[in-house]
Amino acid sequence: MPGGWDWWFWTAAVLGAVSALVCTVRALRGRRPDDLTQGSVLLLEAFLLVYAAGSVLMHLLGPGPTGSALEYWGYLLTALLVPAGTFVWSLVERSSWSNWVLAAAGPVVVVMVYRMNVIWYYQ
C-alpha cells in the first residue's frame, strides 16, 4: 500500500469524485439542492460512519495507528463533520449556491481519508 492508497482510500476517492461531479453539474445548471445532490453527500457520510466503526475495531483489535492517535481521531471527527455540515447548509440555504458547498465535501473527504491512512500506516 504505497502512501496510504488502500481500498478505503479508493472507495473514498470514487465516492468523493462522483459526489463532487454530481453536485458541480447541478450547480452549473443553476439547480437547487435536491435528492441527488444531498443523497450523494449523505452517501459520503454513511461511508465515513462505516470507516469510523472500522477504525474503532482496528484500534481495539490491532496495533493502532503508527502516527499520532489524537491526530488521526481529529481528522476522522473533522471528516465526519464536513458532509454533515454541508448537508445542513443545503437544507437551510435552498439556492443553487448550496450545490457548490455540497460539491466541496467530496474532495475534502478524499484528502482527509488519504491523510488518515498515512497517519495509520506510515508515520
Protein backbone atom coordinates (compact mmCIF):
# COMPACT_ATOMS: atom_id res chain seq x y z
CA MET A 1 0.00 0.00 0.00
CA PRO A 2 2.11 2.94 -1.15
CA GLY A 3 1.37 6.12 0.75
CA GLY A 4 -1.99 5.08 2.19
CA TRP A 5 -3.60 4.02 -1.08
CA ASP A 6 -5.66 1.09 0.24
CA TRP A 7 -9.22 0.14 -0.67
CA TRP A 8 -10.62 2.56 1.93
CA PHE A 9 -8.87 5.38 0.11
CA TRP A 10 -10.08 4.22 -3.30
CA THR A 11 -13.66 3.90 -2.06
CA ALA A 12 -13.48 7.41 -0.62
CA ALA A 13 -11.89 8.68 -3.86
CA VAL A 14 -14.65 7.23 -6.04
CA LEU A 15 -17.49 8.36 -3.76
CA GLY A 16 -15.95 11.81 -3.31
CA ALA A 17 -15.35 12.28 -7.03
CA VAL A 18 -18.85 11.16 -8.01
CA SER A 19 -20.43 13.36 -5.34
CA ALA A 20 -18.36 16.38 -6.40
CA LEU A 21 -19.16 15.78 -10.07
CA VAL A 22 -22.90 15.40 -9.48
CA CYS A 23 -23.08 18.50 -7.28
CA THR A 24 -20.92 20.57 -9.64
CA VAL A 25 -23.02 19.68 -12.69
CA ARG A 26 -26.22 20.54 -10.82
CA ALA A 27 -24.68 23.82 -9.61
CA LEU A 28 -23.55 24.76 -13.13
CA ARG A 29 -27.11 24.17 -14.33
CA GLY A 30 -28.37 26.55 -11.62
CA ARG A 31 -30.40 23.87 -9.87
CA ARG A 32 -31.31 23.91 -6.22
CA PRO A 33 -30.16 21.12 -3.90
CA ASP A 34 -32.27 18.02 -4.41
CA ASP A 35 -32.31 14.33 -3.51
CA LEU A 36 -29.49 13.57 -5.94
CA THR A 37 -27.01 16.14 -4.64
CA GLN A 38 -27.93 15.77 -0.99
CA GLY A 39 -28.05 11.99 -1.33
CA SER A 40 -24.53 11.86 -2.74
CA VAL A 41 -23.25 13.73 0.32
CA LEU A 42 -25.27 11.51 2.65
CA LEU A 43 -23.64 8.50 0.96
CA LEU A 44 -20.25 10.02 1.79
CA GLU A 45 -21.36 10.42 5.40
CA ALA A 46 -22.55 6.81 5.55
CA PHE A 47 -19.18 5.67 4.19
CA LEU A 48 -17.40 7.71 6.86
CA LEU A 49 -19.54 6.18 9.60
CA VAL A 50 -18.52 2.71 8.41
CA TYR A 51 -14.92 3.94 8.21
CA ALA A 52 -15.18 5.21 11.80
CA ALA A 53 -16.59 1.88 13.02
CA GLY A 54 -13.78 0.04 11.25
CA SER A 55 -11.25 2.41 12.80
CA VAL A 56 -12.58 1.72 16.28
CA LEU A 57 -12.39 -2.03 15.68
CA MET A 58 -8.90 -1.82 14.24
CA HIS A 59 -7.79 0.34 17.16
CA LEU A 60 -9.21 -2.11 19.71
CA LEU A 61 -8.13 -5.34 17.98
CA GLY A 62 -4.96 -4.28 16.20
CA PRO A 63 -1.82 -2.32 16.84
CA GLY A 64 -3.47 1.06 16.20
CA PRO A 65 -2.07 3.93 14.18
CA THR A 66 1.68 4.25 13.74
CA GLY A 67 1.36 8.03 13.97
CA SER A 68 -0.40 10.20 16.50
CA ALA A 69 -3.71 8.64 17.55
CA LEU A 70 -5.01 12.06 18.62
CA GLU A 71 -4.26 13.49 15.17
CA TYR A 72 -5.94 10.50 13.50
CA TRP A 73 -9.13 10.83 15.54
CA GLY A 74 -9.14 14.60 14.99
CA TYR A 75 -9.03 14.07 11.24
CA LEU A 76 -11.78 11.47 11.47
CA LEU A 77 -14.04 13.71 13.53
CA THR A 78 -13.47 16.58 11.13
CA ALA A 79 -14.13 14.36 8.12
CA LEU A 80 -17.40 13.23 9.72
CA LEU A 81 -18.48 16.84 10.30
CA VAL A 82 -17.81 18.12 6.76
CA PRO A 83 -20.52 16.20 4.84
CA ALA A 84 -22.97 16.61 7.73
CA GLY A 85 -22.32 20.35 7.81
CA THR A 86 -22.73 20.77 4.07
CA PHE A 87 -25.95 18.77 4.17
CA VAL A 88 -27.39 21.01 6.90
CA TRP A 89 -26.24 24.05 4.91
CA SER A 90 -28.15 22.79 1.87
CA LEU A 91 -31.30 22.38 3.96
CA VAL A 92 -31.09 25.94 5.26
CA GLU A 93 -29.89 27.73 2.10
CA ARG A 94 -32.04 26.43 -0.74
CA SER A 95 -30.25 28.22 -3.60
CA SER A 96 -28.02 26.78 -6.29
CA TRP A 97 -25.01 28.02 -4.31
CA SER A 98 -25.62 25.21 -1.84
CA ASN A 99 -24.69 22.73 -4.55
CA TRP A 100 -21.24 24.34 -4.69
CA VAL A 101 -20.92 23.83 -0.94
CA LEU A 102 -22.06 20.22 -1.32
CA ALA A 103 -19.53 19.73 -4.14
CA ALA A 104 -16.69 20.76 -1.84
CA ALA A 105 -17.41 17.90 0.57
CA GLY A 106 -16.19 15.18 -1.83
CA PRO A 107 -12.62 16.41 -2.37
CA VAL A 108 -12.28 17.32 1.31
CA VAL A 109 -13.25 13.78 2.35
CA VAL A 110 -10.79 12.27 -0.13
CA VAL A 111 -7.92 14.36 1.25
CA MET A 112 -8.90 13.60 4.84
CA VAL A 113 -9.10 9.82 4.26
CA TYR A 114 -5.75 9.88 2.47
CA ARG A 115 -4.18 11.72 5.39
CA MET A 116 -5.77 9.34 7.91
CA ASN A 117 -4.33 6.36 6.03
CA VAL A 118 -0.88 7.94 6.07
CA ILE A 119 -1.16 8.54 9.82
CA TRP A 120 -2.40 4.98 10.42
CA TYR A 121 0.14 3.10 8.30
CA TYR A 122 3.19 5.25 7.61
CA GLN A 123 4.08 7.65 10.43
